[in-house]
């Protein structure tokens, strides 16, 4: 639905995010996907600050997945904030595989 009607979803975004915050991990995952789709639909300036805030506070288990989803849309002035969040959270991630995923994103950003 977000791809077909991004303006309507954007208008309902506060309610969507509030529901996700009260919901399960799956609800939070869907909210992040909605933010990415909205960013891809031309609403980057409106939704990326929200998405980056949610990334910064994401649970360690979801952090690499959210970071990978946001990387393609974290452009322009948001790219540096995205890198800062990755750097700040990198050492707090337990598990070599998850940390490696974040380090791969950092290498990609350094190019």
C-alpha atoms as a PDB file:
ATOM      1  CA  UNK A   1       0.000   0.000   0.000  1.00  0.00           C
ATOM      2  CA  UNK A   2       2.820   2.416   0.804  1.00  0.00           C
ATOM      3  CA  UNK A   3       4.204   2.174  -2.732  1.00  0.00           C
ATOM      4  CA  UNK A   4       0.800   2.870  -4.306  1.00  0.00           C
ATOM      5  CA  UNK A   5      -0.348   5.625  -1.918  1.00  0.00           C
ATOM      6  CA  UNK A   6       2.682   7.186  -0.271  1.00  0.00           C
ATOM      7  CA  UNK A   7       1.019  10.546   0.416  1.00  0.00           C
ATOM      8  CA  UNK A   8      -1.814   8.908   2.325  1.00  0.00           C
ATOM      9  CA  UNK A   9       0.593   6.767   4.318  1.00  0.00           C
ATOM     10  CA  UNK A  10       2.731   9.825   5.071  1.00  0.00           C
ATOM     11  CA  UNK A  11      -0.329  11.628   6.409  1.00  0.00           C
ATOM     12  CA  UNK A  12      -1.060   8.670   8.691  1.00  0.00           C
ATOM     13  CA  UNK A  13       2.583   8.199   9.718  1.00  0.00           C
ATOM     14  CA  UNK A  14       2.238   9.492  13.304  1.00  0.00           C
ATOM     15  CA  UNK A  15      -0.499   6.934  13.984  1.00  0.00           C
ATOM     16  CA  UNK A  16       1.465   4.179  12.230  1.00  0.00           C
ATOM     17  CA  UNK A  17       4.580   4.876  14.317  1.00  0.00           C
ATOM     18  CA  UNK A  18       2.587   5.114  17.547  1.00  0.00           C
ATOM     19  CA  UNK A  19       1.012   1.733  16.825  1.00  0.00           C
ATOM     20  CA  UNK A  20       4.422   0.252  16.030  1.00  0.00           C
ATOM     21  CA  UNK A  21       5.836   1.582  19.277  1.00  0.00           C
ATOM     22  CA  UNK A  22       3.069  -0.171  21.197  1.00  0.00           C
ATOM     23  CA  UNK A  23       3.406  -3.312  19.106  1.00  0.00           C
ATOM     24  CA  UNK A  24       5.723  -6.218  18.616  1.00  0.00           C
ATOM     25  CA  UNK A  25       9.119  -6.418  16.970  1.00  0.00           C
ATOM     26  CA  UNK A  26       7.306  -7.316  13.756  1.00  0.00           C
ATOM     27  CA  UNK A  27       5.293  -4.087  13.969  1.00  0.00           C
ATOM     28  CA  UNK A  28       8.507  -2.111  14.453  1.00  0.00           C
ATOM     29  CA  UNK A  29      10.076  -3.893  11.463  1.00  0.00           C
ATOM     30  CA  UNK A  30       7.084  -2.976   9.300  1.00  0.00           C
ATOM     31  CA  UNK A  31       7.287   0.640  10.448  1.00  0.00           C
ATOM     32  CA  UNK A  32      10.931   0.820   9.394  1.00  0.00           C
ATOM     33  CA  UNK A  33      10.056  -0.668   5.996  1.00  0.00           C
ATOM     34  CA  UNK A  34       7.321   1.939   5.591  1.00  0.00           C
ATOM     35  CA  UNK A  35       9.834   4.706   6.326  1.00  0.00           C
ATOM     36  CA  UNK A  36      12.230   3.313   3.717  1.00  0.00           C
ATOM     37  CA  UNK A  37       9.487   3.089   1.086  1.00  0.00           C
ATOM     38  CA  UNK A  38       8.378   6.642   1.854  1.00  0.00           C
ATOM     39  CA  UNK A  39      11.975   7.832   1.490  1.00  0.00           C
ATOM     40  CA  UNK A  40      12.141   6.080  -1.888  1.00  0.00           C
ATOM     41  CA  UNK A  41       8.862   7.756  -2.855  1.00  0.00           C
ATOM     42  CA  UNK A  42      10.260  11.266  -2.618  1.00  0.00           C
ATOM     43  CA  UNK A  43       9.678  11.968   1.065  1.00  0.00           C
ATOM     44  CA  UNK A  44      13.289  11.584   2.172  1.00  0.00           C
ATOM     45  CA  UNK A  45      13.537  14.940   3.920  1.00  0.00           C
ATOM     46  CA  UNK A  46      10.421  14.258   5.978  1.00  0.00           C
ATOM     47  CA  UNK A  47      10.996  10.652   6.969  1.00  0.00           C
ATOM     48  CA  UNK A  48      14.743  10.105   7.113  1.00  0.00           C
ATOM     49  CA  UNK A  49      15.255  12.065  10.346  1.00  0.00           C
ATOM     50  CA  UNK A  50      12.544   9.889  11.897  1.00  0.00           C
ATOM     51  CA  UNK A  51      14.086   6.706  10.507  1.00  0.00           C
ATOM     52  CA  UNK A  52      17.557   7.656  11.727  1.00  0.00           C
ATOM     53  CA  UNK A  53      16.182   8.377  15.190  1.00  0.00           C
ATOM     54  CA  UNK A  54      14.554   4.972  15.268  1.00  0.00           C
ATOM     55  CA  UNK A  55      17.773   3.368  14.038  1.00  0.00           C
ATOM     56  CA  UNK A  56      19.767   5.018  16.811  1.00  0.00           C
ATOM     57  CA  UNK A  57      17.391   3.544  19.402  1.00  0.00           C
ATOM     58  CA  UNK A  58      16.845   0.160  17.728  1.00  0.00           C
ATOM     59  CA  UNK A  59      17.412  -3.014  19.693  1.00  0.00           C
ATOM     60  CA  UNK A  60      20.754  -4.656  18.946  1.00  0.00           C
ATOM     61  CA  UNK A  61      19.059  -7.597  17.216  1.00  0.00           C
ATOM     62  CA  UNK A  62      17.269  -5.342  14.729  1.00  0.00           C
ATOM     63  CA  UNK A  63      20.005  -2.745  14.308  1.00  0.00           C
ATOM     64  CA  UNK A  64      21.942  -4.391  11.416  1.00  0.00           C
ATOM     65  CA  UNK A  65      18.750  -5.142   9.481  1.00  0.00           C
ATOM     66  CA  UNK A  66      17.456  -1.595   9.896  1.00  0.00           C
ATOM     67  CA  UNK A  67      20.851  -0.159   8.950  1.00  0.00           C
ATOM     68  CA  UNK A  68      21.003  -2.273   5.784  1.00  0.00           C
ATOM     69  CA  UNK A  69      17.497  -1.149   4.832  1.00  0.00           C
ATOM     70  CA  UNK A  70      18.305   2.523   5.373  1.00  0.00           C
ATOM     71  CA  UNK A  71      21.687   2.593   3.649  1.00  0.00           C
ATOM     72  CA  UNK A  72      20.341   3.109   0.099  1.00  0.00           C
ATOM     73  CA  UNK A  73      18.099   6.018   1.159  1.00  0.00           C
ATOM     74  CA  UNK A  74      20.500   7.691   3.603  1.00  0.00           C
ATOM     75  CA  UNK A  75      21.742  10.227   1.095  1.00  0.00           C
ATOM     76  CA  UNK A  76      22.956  13.795   1.070  1.00  0.00           C
ATOM     77  CA  UNK A  77      23.206  15.436   4.464  1.00  0.00           C
ATOM     78  CA  UNK A  78      21.676  12.384   6.147  1.00  0.00           C
ATOM     79  CA  UNK A  79      24.555  10.129   5.110  1.00  0.00           C
ATOM     80  CA  UNK A  80      26.927  11.562   7.732  1.00  0.00           C
ATOM     81  CA  UNK A  81      24.372  11.165  10.531  1.00  0.00           C
ATOM     82  CA  UNK A  82      23.800   7.589   9.368  1.00  0.00           C
ATOM     83  CA  UNK A  83      27.560   6.916   9.526  1.00  0.00           C
ATOM     84  CA  UNK A  84      27.753   8.445  13.011  1.00  0.00           C
ATOM     85  CA  UNK A  85      24.989   6.178  14.268  1.00  0.00           C
ATOM     86  CA  UNK A  86      26.705   3.116  12.810  1.00  0.00           C
ATOM     87  CA  UNK A  87      30.011   4.094  14.414  1.00  0.00           C
ATOM     88  CA  UNK A  88      28.414   4.750  17.788  1.00  0.00           C
ATOM     89  CA  UNK A  89      26.532   1.465  17.856  1.00  0.00           C
ATOM     90  CA  UNK A  90      29.149  -0.781  16.250  1.00  0.00           C
ATOM     91  CA  UNK A  91      30.942  -1.690  19.476  1.00  0.00           C
ATOM     92  CA  UNK A  92      27.717  -2.345  21.368  1.00  0.00           C
ATOM     93  CA  UNK A  93      26.605  -5.091  18.991  1.00  0.00           C
ATOM     94  CA  UNK A  94      27.119  -8.557  20.378  1.00  0.00           C
ATOM     95  CA  UNK A  95      27.719 -11.293  17.895  1.00  0.00           C
ATOM     96  CA  UNK A  96      30.408 -11.286  15.254  1.00  0.00           C
ATOM     97  CA  UNK A  97      28.032 -11.746  12.326  1.00  0.00           C
ATOM     98  CA  UNK A  98      25.865  -8.755  13.242  1.00  0.00           C
ATOM     99  CA  UNK A  99      28.894  -6.576  13.907  1.00  0.00           C
ATOM    100  CA  UNK A 100      30.381  -7.650  10.564  1.00  0.00           C
ATOM    101  CA  UNK A 101      27.211  -6.514   8.781  1.00  0.00           C
ATOM    102  CA  UNK A 102      27.533  -3.051  10.320  1.00  0.00           C
ATOM    103  CA  UNK A 103      31.251  -2.897   9.546  1.00  0.00           C
ATOM    104  CA  UNK A 104      30.491  -3.789   5.924  1.00  0.00           C
ATOM    105  CA  UNK A 105      28.120  -0.824   5.742  1.00  0.00           C
ATOM    106  CA  UNK A 106      30.780   1.439   7.236  1.00  0.00           C
ATOM    107  CA  UNK A 107      33.281   0.301   4.608  1.00  0.00           C
ATOM    108  CA  UNK A 108      30.730   0.995   1.892  1.00  0.00           C
ATOM    109  CA  UNK A 109      30.178   4.496   3.270  1.00  0.00           C
ATOM    110  CA  UNK A 110      33.925   5.153   3.310  1.00  0.00           C
ATOM    111  CA  UNK A 111      34.188   4.633  -0.460  1.00  0.00           C
END
